Amino acid sequence: MMKCIITFYNESIKSIMESSGETKITWSLIYNQLKPQFIRLTQMKFEDPKNSLADFNEYFESLCDDIVSGSRKLNEANLIK
């Protein structure tokens, strides 16, 4: 769970730091573009504790991958503008 939270934070900071000028990325833009991933972050606590370790690993790895790909899409779209 913590890996997903840290991944979201690091990707957000990276996006903010790499943007500049007219194409400045802000927290508001990140939140709006990555809202599904953000909601999944807040819903992690509701995962059934009876799930197997493999299920947890698959779920959390999938979320981390979605965060990274969403951040990449945000950065690419920002560069095109």
N, C-alpha and C. Protein backbone atom coordinates (compact mmCIF):
# COMPACT_ATOMS: atom_id res chain seq x y z
N MET A 1 0.83 -1.20 0.00
CA MET A 1 0.00 0.00 0.00
C MET A 1 0.87 1.26 0.00
N MET A 2 1.87 1.23 0.83
CA MET A 2 2.73 2.41 0.94
C MET A 2 3.48 2.66 -0.37
N LYS A 3 3.85 1.60 -1.06
CA LYS A 3 4.55 1.76 -2.35
C LYS A 3 3.67 2.53 -3.33
N CYS A 4 2.39 2.25 -3.35
CA CYS A 4 1.47 2.94 -4.26
C CYS A 4 1.36 4.42 -3.91
N ILE A 5 1.27 4.72 -2.64
CA ILE A 5 1.17 6.11 -2.19
C ILE A 5 2.45 6.88 -2.55
N ILE A 6 3.59 6.26 -2.27
CA ILE A 6 4.88 6.89 -2.58
C ILE A 6 5.06 7.06 -4.08
N THR A 7 4.61 6.08 -4.86
CA THR A 7 4.70 6.19 -6.32
C THR A 7 3.88 7.36 -6.82
N PHE A 8 2.66 7.52 -6.30
CA PHE A 8 1.82 8.65 -6.71
C PHE A 8 2.49 9.96 -6.35
N TYR A 9 3.02 10.05 -5.15
CA TYR A 9 3.70 11.27 -4.70
C TYR A 9 4.91 11.58 -5.57
N ASN A 10 5.77 10.58 -5.78
CA ASN A 10 6.99 10.80 -6.56
C ASN A 10 6.68 11.18 -8.01
N GLU A 11 5.72 10.51 -8.60
CA GLU A 11 5.35 10.84 -9.98
C GLU A 11 4.76 12.24 -10.07
N SER A 12 3.99 12.64 -9.07
CA SER A 12 3.40 13.98 -9.05
C SER A 12 4.49 15.04 -8.93
N ILE A 13 5.40 14.84 -8.00
CA ILE A 13 6.51 15.80 -7.81
C ILE A 13 7.36 15.87 -9.07
N LYS A 14 7.63 14.73 -9.68
CA LYS A 14 8.42 14.70 -10.91
C LYS A 14 7.73 15.49 -12.02
N SER A 15 6.42 15.31 -12.16
CA SER A 15 5.66 16.04 -13.18
C SER A 15 5.70 17.54 -12.93
N ILE A 16 5.54 17.94 -11.69
CA ILE A 16 5.56 19.36 -11.34
C ILE A 16 6.94 19.96 -11.61
N MET A 17 7.98 19.25 -11.23
CA MET A 17 9.34 19.77 -11.38
C MET A 17 9.76 19.85 -12.85
N GLU A 18 9.29 18.95 -13.68
CA GLU A 18 9.69 18.93 -15.09
C GLU A 18 8.89 19.89 -15.95
N SER A 19 7.78 20.40 -15.44
CA SER A 19 6.98 21.33 -16.23
C SER A 19 7.47 22.75 -16.00
N SER A 20 7.17 23.61 -16.99
CA SER A 20 7.60 25.00 -16.84
C SER A 20 6.77 25.91 -17.73
N GLY A 21 6.85 27.17 -17.44
CA GLY A 21 6.21 28.20 -18.27
C GLY A 21 4.71 28.03 -18.43
N GLU A 22 4.26 28.14 -19.67
CA GLU A 22 2.83 28.06 -19.95
C GLU A 22 2.28 26.66 -19.71
N THR A 23 3.13 25.67 -19.76
CA THR A 23 2.68 24.29 -19.59
C THR A 23 2.95 23.77 -18.18
N LYS A 24 2.87 24.66 -17.22
CA LYS A 24 3.13 24.29 -15.82
C LYS A 24 2.07 23.33 -15.32
N ILE A 25 2.51 22.22 -14.76
CA ILE A 25 1.60 21.24 -14.16
C ILE A 25 1.42 21.59 -12.70
N THR A 26 0.17 21.61 -12.26
CA THR A 26 -0.15 21.92 -10.87
C THR A 26 -0.82 20.71 -10.22
N TRP A 27 -0.96 20.77 -8.90
CA TRP A 27 -1.63 19.70 -8.19
C TRP A 27 -3.06 19.52 -8.71
N SER A 28 -3.74 20.60 -9.01
CA SER A 28 -5.10 20.54 -9.51
C SER A 28 -5.17 19.76 -10.82
N LEU A 29 -4.25 20.02 -11.72
CA LEU A 29 -4.21 19.31 -12.99
C LEU A 29 -3.91 17.82 -12.78
N ILE A 30 -2.97 17.53 -11.90
CA ILE A 30 -2.65 16.13 -11.59
C ILE A 30 -3.86 15.43 -11.01
N TYR A 31 -4.51 16.06 -10.07
CA TYR A 31 -5.69 15.46 -9.43
C TYR A 31 -6.80 15.20 -10.45
N ASN A 32 -7.04 16.16 -11.33
CA ASN A 32 -8.10 16.00 -12.33
C ASN A 32 -7.77 14.93 -13.36
N GLN A 33 -6.52 14.86 -13.78
CA GLN A 33 -6.13 13.89 -14.80
C GLN A 33 -5.95 12.48 -14.24
N LEU A 34 -5.52 12.39 -13.00
CA LEU A 34 -5.27 11.09 -12.38
C LEU A 34 -6.31 10.75 -11.32
N LYS A 35 -7.49 11.29 -11.46
CA LYS A 35 -8.54 11.08 -10.47
C LYS A 35 -8.88 9.60 -10.25
N PRO A 36 -8.99 8.78 -11.32
CA PRO A 36 -9.29 7.36 -11.07
C PRO A 36 -8.21 6.67 -10.23
N GLN A 37 -6.95 7.00 -10.50
CA GLN A 37 -5.87 6.41 -9.71
C GLN A 37 -5.89 6.93 -8.28
N PHE A 38 -6.20 8.20 -8.11
CA PHE A 38 -6.27 8.78 -6.77
C PHE A 38 -7.39 8.13 -5.97
N ILE A 39 -8.52 7.91 -6.60
CA ILE A 39 -9.65 7.26 -5.92
C ILE A 39 -9.28 5.83 -5.54
N ARG A 40 -8.59 5.15 -6.45
CA ARG A 40 -8.14 3.78 -6.11
C ARG A 40 -7.19 3.79 -4.93
N LEU A 41 -6.36 4.84 -4.82
CA LEU A 41 -5.47 4.96 -3.66
C LEU A 41 -6.27 5.05 -2.36
N THR A 42 -7.33 5.83 -2.39
CA THR A 42 -8.12 6.00 -1.18
C THR A 42 -8.98 4.78 -0.87
N GLN A 43 -9.21 3.94 -1.86
CA GLN A 43 -10.04 2.75 -1.66
C GLN A 43 -9.22 1.51 -1.30
N MET A 44 -7.91 1.62 -1.25
CA MET A 44 -7.06 0.48 -0.93
C MET A 44 -7.40 -0.12 0.42
N LYS A 45 -7.78 0.72 1.34
CA LYS A 45 -8.04 0.25 2.71
C LYS A 45 -9.24 -0.69 2.80
N PHE A 46 -10.05 -0.72 1.75
CA PHE A 46 -11.22 -1.58 1.76
C PHE A 46 -10.98 -2.94 1.11
N GLU A 47 -9.74 -3.22 0.71
CA GLU A 47 -9.43 -4.53 0.16
C GLU A 47 -9.64 -5.59 1.25
N ASP A 48 -10.21 -6.69 0.85
CA ASP A 48 -10.53 -7.76 1.81
C ASP A 48 -9.24 -8.37 2.36
N PRO A 49 -9.05 -8.35 3.67
CA PRO A 49 -7.82 -8.89 4.26
C PRO A 49 -7.70 -10.41 4.11
N LYS A 50 -8.78 -11.06 3.70
CA LYS A 50 -8.74 -12.50 3.51
C LYS A 50 -8.17 -12.90 2.15
N ASN A 51 -7.92 -11.91 1.30
CA ASN A 51 -7.31 -12.19 -0.01
C ASN A 51 -5.92 -12.77 0.19
N SER A 52 -5.49 -13.53 -0.79
CA SER A 52 -4.15 -14.11 -0.72
C SER A 52 -3.09 -13.05 -0.98
N LEU A 53 -1.89 -13.37 -0.60
CA LEU A 53 -0.77 -12.45 -0.81
C LEU A 53 -0.57 -12.18 -2.30
N ALA A 54 -0.77 -13.20 -3.11
CA ALA A 54 -0.64 -13.03 -4.56
C ALA A 54 -1.67 -12.04 -5.10
N ASP A 55 -2.90 -12.11 -4.57
CA ASP A 55 -3.95 -11.17 -4.99
C ASP A 55 -3.59 -9.74 -4.62
N PHE A 56 -3.07 -9.55 -3.40
CA PHE A 56 -2.65 -8.22 -2.97
C PHE A 56 -1.52 -7.69 -3.85
N ASN A 57 -0.52 -8.54 -4.09
CA ASN A 57 0.61 -8.11 -4.92
C ASN A 57 0.15 -7.72 -6.31
N GLU A 58 -0.76 -8.49 -6.88
CA GLU A 58 -1.27 -8.19 -8.22
C GLU A 58 -2.04 -6.87 -8.22
N TYR A 59 -2.88 -6.67 -7.23
CA TYR A 59 -3.68 -5.44 -7.14
C TYR A 59 -2.79 -4.21 -6.98
N PHE A 60 -1.85 -4.27 -6.07
CA PHE A 60 -1.01 -3.11 -5.79
C PHE A 60 -0.03 -2.84 -6.94
N GLU A 61 0.51 -3.88 -7.56
CA GLU A 61 1.39 -3.67 -8.72
C GLU A 61 0.62 -3.05 -9.88
N SER A 62 -0.61 -3.51 -10.06
CA SER A 62 -1.46 -2.95 -11.11
C SER A 62 -1.72 -1.46 -10.86
N LEU A 63 -2.00 -1.11 -9.62
CA LEU A 63 -2.24 0.29 -9.27
C LEU A 63 -0.98 1.12 -9.50
N CYS A 64 0.17 0.63 -9.10
CA CYS A 64 1.42 1.37 -9.31
C CYS A 64 1.68 1.57 -10.80
N ASP A 65 1.43 0.53 -11.60
CA ASP A 65 1.62 0.65 -13.04
C ASP A 65 0.66 1.67 -13.64
N ASP A 66 -0.59 1.69 -13.16
CA ASP A 66 -1.57 2.65 -13.64
C ASP A 66 -1.17 4.09 -13.28
N ILE A 67 -0.61 4.26 -12.11
CA ILE A 67 -0.16 5.59 -11.68
C ILE A 67 0.97 6.08 -12.57
N VAL A 68 1.94 5.21 -12.83
CA VAL A 68 3.08 5.59 -13.66
C VAL A 68 2.63 5.89 -15.10
N SER A 69 1.76 5.04 -15.65
CA SER A 69 1.31 5.28 -17.03
C SER A 69 0.44 6.54 -17.11
N GLY A 70 -0.39 6.78 -16.11
CA GLY A 70 -1.20 8.00 -16.09
C GLY A 70 -0.34 9.24 -16.01
N SER A 71 0.68 9.17 -15.20
CA SER A 71 1.61 10.30 -15.07
C SER A 71 2.36 10.54 -16.38
N ARG A 72 2.75 9.46 -17.03
CA ARG A 72 3.46 9.57 -18.30
C ARG A 72 2.55 10.22 -19.36
N LYS A 73 1.29 9.81 -19.40
CA LYS A 73 0.33 10.40 -20.34
C LYS A 73 0.12 11.88 -20.05
N LEU A 74 0.05 12.24 -18.78
CA LEU A 74 -0.10 13.63 -18.39
C LEU A 74 1.09 14.45 -18.87
N ASN A 75 2.29 13.94 -18.66
CA ASN A 75 3.50 14.66 -19.07
C ASN A 75 3.57 14.80 -20.59
N GLU A 76 3.21 13.74 -21.31
CA GLU A 76 3.25 13.78 -22.77
C GLU A 76 2.22 14.77 -23.30
N ALA A 77 1.01 14.76 -22.73
CA ALA A 77 -0.02 15.69 -23.17
C ALA A 77 0.38 17.13 -22.87
N ASN A 78 1.08 17.32 -21.78
CA ASN A 78 1.52 18.65 -21.40
C ASN A 78 2.61 19.16 -22.34
N LEU A 79 3.44 18.28 -22.84
CA LEU A 79 4.51 18.69 -23.76
C LEU A 79 3.96 19.05 -25.13
N ILE A 80 2.85 18.43 -25.52
CA ILE A 80 2.27 18.68 -26.83
C ILE A 80 1.62 20.06 -26.90
N LYS A 81 1.08 20.54 -25.81
CA LYS A 81 0.38 21.84 -25.79
C LYS A 81 1.29 22.98 -26.14
